[in-house]
Amino acid sequence: MSVGEIKVALRAAIEAARQGLEVFDRASAEAKAATAAAEAILHDSRDEDVRAIHQALAAASAEVEPTRRRFVNTAEHTTRYLKQLG
């Protein structure tokens, strides 16, 4: 593989990370809205299944920002590597 081919692949990886972040952000926003609606409906429930759902939603919510950082870091690190190649 030539340096030129590597650069093309790196540019494609950067674009994929950026697009992935956009898709993730849209999905995250939709999930946040759906979660808010579910919590409004189920907030007073003492049902064990509802409690388990609340815990699962909280765990998923805690992963949003770390996942966003992975997309951003991937694009940033790949961009730096691309610049080092010249």
N, C-alpha and C. Protein backbone atom coordinates (compact mmCIF):
# COMPACT_ATOMS: atom_id res chain seq x y z
N MET A 1 0.86 -1.17 0.00
CA MET A 1 0.00 0.00 0.00
C MET A 1 0.90 1.23 0.00
N SER A 2 0.62 2.16 -0.86
CA SER A 2 1.42 3.38 -0.97
C SER A 2 0.97 4.40 0.07
N VAL A 3 1.79 5.41 0.29
CA VAL A 3 1.45 6.49 1.22
C VAL A 3 0.18 7.19 0.74
N GLY A 4 0.05 7.38 -0.57
CA GLY A 4 -1.15 7.99 -1.12
C GLY A 4 -2.40 7.19 -0.80
N GLU A 5 -2.30 5.88 -0.92
CA GLU A 5 -3.45 5.02 -0.59
C GLU A 5 -3.78 5.07 0.89
N ILE A 6 -2.75 5.14 1.71
CA ILE A 6 -2.97 5.25 3.15
C ILE A 6 -3.69 6.56 3.48
N LYS A 7 -3.27 7.65 2.83
CA LYS A 7 -3.92 8.93 3.05
C LYS A 7 -5.39 8.89 2.66
N VAL A 8 -5.68 8.26 1.55
CA VAL A 8 -7.08 8.12 1.10
C VAL A 8 -7.88 7.34 2.15
N ALA A 9 -7.30 6.27 2.64
CA ALA A 9 -7.98 5.45 3.65
C ALA A 9 -8.19 6.24 4.94
N LEU A 10 -7.20 7.01 5.34
CA LEU A 10 -7.32 7.82 6.55
C LEU A 10 -8.39 8.89 6.39
N ARG A 11 -8.44 9.54 5.24
CA ARG A 11 -9.49 10.54 4.99
C ARG A 11 -10.88 9.90 5.06
N ALA A 12 -10.99 8.70 4.51
CA ALA A 12 -12.27 7.98 4.56
C ALA A 12 -12.63 7.64 6.01
N ALA A 13 -11.64 7.27 6.80
CA ALA A 13 -11.89 6.95 8.21
C ALA A 13 -12.34 8.19 8.98
N ILE A 14 -11.73 9.32 8.70
CA ILE A 14 -12.12 10.58 9.35
C ILE A 14 -13.56 10.92 9.00
N GLU A 15 -13.90 10.81 7.73
CA GLU A 15 -15.27 11.11 7.30
C GLU A 15 -16.26 10.13 7.92
N ALA A 16 -15.89 8.87 7.99
CA ALA A 16 -16.78 7.87 8.61
C ALA A 16 -17.01 8.19 10.08
N ALA A 17 -15.97 8.62 10.78
CA ALA A 17 -16.12 8.98 12.20
C ALA A 17 -17.03 10.19 12.35
N ARG A 18 -16.87 11.17 11.47
CA ARG A 18 -17.72 12.37 11.54
C ARG A 18 -19.18 12.03 11.24
N GLN A 19 -19.39 11.21 10.23
CA GLN A 19 -20.76 10.80 9.90
C GLN A 19 -21.34 9.94 11.02
N GLY A 20 -20.52 9.08 11.57
CA GLY A 20 -20.97 8.24 12.69
C GLY A 20 -21.40 9.09 13.87
N LEU A 21 -20.65 10.13 14.15
CA LEU A 21 -21.02 11.04 15.24
C LEU A 21 -22.35 11.72 14.96
N GLU A 22 -22.56 12.15 13.73
CA GLU A 22 -23.84 12.79 13.39
C GLU A 22 -25.01 11.83 13.59
N VAL A 23 -24.85 10.61 13.12
CA VAL A 23 -25.91 9.60 13.28
C VAL A 23 -26.13 9.30 14.76
N PHE A 24 -25.03 9.14 15.49
CA PHE A 24 -25.12 8.86 16.93
C PHE A 24 -25.84 10.00 17.65
N ASP A 25 -25.50 11.24 17.32
CA ASP A 25 -26.14 12.38 17.98
C ASP A 25 -27.65 12.41 17.70
N ARG A 26 -28.03 12.12 16.46
CA ARG A 26 -29.47 12.08 16.15
C ARG A 26 -30.17 10.97 16.93
N ALA A 27 -29.55 9.80 16.95
CA ALA A 27 -30.14 8.67 17.68
C ALA A 27 -30.21 8.97 19.17
N SER A 28 -29.17 9.60 19.67
CA SER A 28 -29.14 9.95 21.10
C SER A 28 -30.25 10.93 21.44
N ALA A 29 -30.47 11.92 20.59
CA ALA A 29 -31.53 12.90 20.83
C ALA A 29 -32.90 12.23 20.81
N GLU A 30 -33.11 11.33 19.87
CA GLU A 30 -34.38 10.61 19.81
C GLU A 30 -34.57 9.73 21.03
N ALA A 31 -33.51 9.07 21.45
CA ALA A 31 -33.59 8.21 22.64
C ALA A 31 -33.87 9.04 23.89
N LYS A 32 -33.26 10.21 23.97
CA LYS A 32 -33.48 11.09 25.12
C LYS A 32 -34.93 11.53 25.18
N ALA A 33 -35.51 11.87 24.04
CA ALA A 33 -36.92 12.28 24.00
C ALA A 33 -37.83 11.11 24.37
N ALA A 34 -37.54 9.94 23.86
CA ALA A 34 -38.35 8.77 24.18
C ALA A 34 -38.23 8.41 25.66
N THR A 35 -37.04 8.54 26.20
CA THR A 35 -36.82 8.25 27.61
C THR A 35 -37.60 9.23 28.48
N ALA A 36 -37.59 10.50 28.12
CA ALA A 36 -38.33 11.50 28.88
C ALA A 36 -39.82 11.20 28.86
N ALA A 37 -40.33 10.80 27.71
CA ALA A 37 -41.75 10.46 27.60
C ALA A 37 -42.08 9.24 28.45
N ALA A 38 -41.22 8.24 28.41
CA ALA A 38 -41.45 7.02 29.21
C ALA A 38 -41.39 7.34 30.70
N GLU A 39 -40.44 8.16 31.09
CA GLU A 39 -40.33 8.51 32.51
C GLU A 39 -41.53 9.31 32.99
N ALA A 40 -42.07 10.15 32.13
CA ALA A 40 -43.27 10.92 32.50
C ALA A 40 -44.45 10.00 32.75
N ILE A 41 -44.53 8.94 31.97
CA ILE A 41 -45.64 8.00 32.10
C ILE A 41 -45.44 7.07 33.30
N LEU A 42 -44.21 6.64 33.51
CA LEU A 42 -43.94 5.57 34.47
C LEU A 42 -43.32 6.06 35.78
N HIS A 43 -43.22 7.35 35.99
CA HIS A 43 -42.44 7.87 37.12
C HIS A 43 -42.91 7.40 38.49
N ASP A 44 -44.18 7.14 38.71
CA ASP A 44 -44.68 6.73 40.02
C ASP A 44 -44.79 5.22 40.17
N SER A 45 -44.42 4.49 39.14
CA SER A 45 -44.58 3.05 39.20
C SER A 45 -43.58 2.42 40.16
N ARG A 46 -44.03 1.41 40.89
CA ARG A 46 -43.17 0.66 41.80
C ARG A 46 -42.91 -0.76 41.26
N ASP A 47 -43.37 -0.99 40.05
CA ASP A 47 -43.20 -2.30 39.42
C ASP A 47 -41.72 -2.59 39.22
N GLU A 48 -41.31 -3.83 39.51
CA GLU A 48 -39.91 -4.22 39.37
C GLU A 48 -39.41 -4.09 37.94
N ASP A 49 -40.24 -4.42 36.97
CA ASP A 49 -39.83 -4.29 35.57
C ASP A 49 -39.58 -2.83 35.21
N VAL A 50 -40.41 -1.94 35.72
CA VAL A 50 -40.24 -0.52 35.45
C VAL A 50 -38.94 -0.02 36.10
N ARG A 51 -38.67 -0.47 37.30
CA ARG A 51 -37.42 -0.10 37.97
C ARG A 51 -36.21 -0.59 37.17
N ALA A 52 -36.31 -1.80 36.67
CA ALA A 52 -35.22 -2.35 35.86
C ALA A 52 -35.02 -1.53 34.59
N ILE A 53 -36.13 -1.10 33.99
CA ILE A 53 -36.05 -0.27 32.79
C ILE A 53 -35.38 1.06 33.11
N HIS A 54 -35.76 1.67 34.24
CA HIS A 54 -35.12 2.93 34.64
C HIS A 54 -33.61 2.75 34.82
N GLN A 55 -33.21 1.65 35.42
CA GLN A 55 -31.78 1.38 35.62
C GLN A 55 -31.07 1.19 34.28
N ALA A 56 -31.71 0.47 33.38
CA ALA A 56 -31.11 0.24 32.06
C ALA A 56 -30.99 1.55 31.29
N LEU A 57 -32.01 2.38 31.37
CA LEU A 57 -31.97 3.68 30.69
C LEU A 57 -30.88 4.58 31.28
N ALA A 58 -30.73 4.55 32.59
CA ALA A 58 -29.67 5.34 33.23
C ALA A 58 -28.30 4.85 32.81
N ALA A 59 -28.13 3.54 32.73
CA ALA A 59 -26.85 2.98 32.29
C ALA A 59 -26.55 3.36 30.85
N ALA A 60 -27.55 3.30 30.00
CA ALA A 60 -27.36 3.69 28.59
C ALA A 60 -27.04 5.17 28.48
N SER A 61 -27.72 5.98 29.26
CA SER A 61 -27.48 7.42 29.24
C SER A 61 -26.05 7.75 29.67
N ALA A 62 -25.52 7.00 30.60
CA ALA A 62 -24.15 7.23 31.08
C ALA A 62 -23.12 6.93 30.01
N GLU A 63 -23.48 6.17 29.01
CA GLU A 63 -22.54 5.81 27.94
C GLU A 63 -22.55 6.79 26.77
N VAL A 64 -23.48 7.71 26.76
CA VAL A 64 -23.60 8.62 25.62
C VAL A 64 -22.34 9.47 25.44
N GLU A 65 -21.93 10.17 26.48
CA GLU A 65 -20.78 11.08 26.33
C GLU A 65 -19.48 10.32 26.06
N PRO A 66 -19.21 9.20 26.75
CA PRO A 66 -17.99 8.45 26.40
C PRO A 66 -17.99 7.97 24.94
N THR A 67 -19.14 7.60 24.44
CA THR A 67 -19.22 7.15 23.05
C THR A 67 -18.98 8.31 22.09
N ARG A 68 -19.55 9.47 22.40
CA ARG A 68 -19.30 10.66 21.58
C ARG A 68 -17.81 10.97 21.54
N ARG A 69 -17.16 10.89 22.71
CA ARG A 69 -15.72 11.17 22.77
C ARG A 69 -14.93 10.20 21.91
N ARG A 70 -15.36 8.95 21.84
CA ARG A 70 -14.66 7.97 21.00
C ARG A 70 -14.70 8.38 19.53
N PHE A 71 -15.86 8.82 19.07
CA PHE A 71 -15.97 9.29 17.68
C PHE A 71 -15.06 10.49 17.45
N VAL A 72 -15.14 11.47 18.35
CA VAL A 72 -14.34 12.69 18.22
C VAL A 72 -12.86 12.36 18.27
N ASN A 73 -12.46 11.55 19.24
CA ASN A 73 -11.04 11.19 19.37
C ASN A 73 -10.53 10.44 18.16
N THR A 74 -11.35 9.58 17.61
CA THR A 74 -10.95 8.85 16.41
C THR A 74 -10.64 9.81 15.27
N ALA A 75 -11.55 10.75 15.05
CA ALA A 75 -11.34 11.72 13.97
C ALA A 75 -10.11 12.59 14.24
N GLU A 76 -9.95 13.03 15.49
CA GLU A 76 -8.81 13.89 15.83
C GLU A 76 -7.47 13.16 15.69
N HIS A 77 -7.39 11.96 16.23
CA HIS A 77 -6.14 11.20 16.16
C HIS A 77 -5.79 10.83 14.72
N THR A 78 -6.80 10.46 13.96
CA THR A 78 -6.56 10.11 12.57
C THR A 78 -6.12 11.33 11.77
N THR A 79 -6.72 12.47 12.06
CA THR A 79 -6.33 13.72 11.39
C THR A 79 -4.87 14.07 11.70
N ARG A 80 -4.49 13.92 12.96
CA ARG A 80 -3.10 14.19 13.35
C ARG A 80 -2.14 13.27 12.61
N TYR A 81 -2.50 11.97 12.54
CA TYR A 81 -1.65 11.01 11.84
C TYR A 81 -1.54 11.36 10.36
N LEU A 82 -2.66 11.75 9.77
CA LEU A 82 -2.67 12.15 8.36
C LEU A 82 -1.74 13.35 8.13
N LYS A 83 -1.79 14.32 9.03
CA LYS A 83 -0.92 15.50 8.91
C LYS A 83 0.56 15.11 9.06
N GLN A 84 0.84 14.14 9.90
CA GLN A 84 2.22 13.69 10.07
C GLN A 84 2.77 13.05 8.80
N LEU A 85 1.87 12.43 8.04
CA LEU A 85 2.29 11.81 6.78
C LEU A 85 2.61 12.86 5.73
N GLY A 86 2.09 14.06 5.93
CA GLY A 86 2.40 15.15 5.00
C GLY A 86 1.46 15.31 3.88
